[in-house]
């Protein structure tokens, strides 16, 4: 499976390089009040590279979140101590009446 992925990436890279090499003629670009000429290859490769960077950053963020979610939570330091064997602690509720004296 890794070989198929590597071969596919190499073919895509070769195709992009061929495309850029064959489209070096300058084209007019008009954006708002700017007018300039840029090679067609640059116009197509810049968005491709921007998408690549955004995709890698998004993947890194997602993997970091998954890794943090998979880590066990640290145990609380102030654990509630249970009473010794045989001892029962009594904590009256607000509605409880005090015990009658004998």
Foldseek 3Di string as FASTA:
>chain_A
DVVVVVVVVVVVVVVLVVVLVVFQDWDWDDDDPDIDTGTPSCVVVVVVVVVVVVVVVVVVVVVVVVVVVPDDDDDDPDDDDDDDPPDDDDDDDPPDDDDDDD
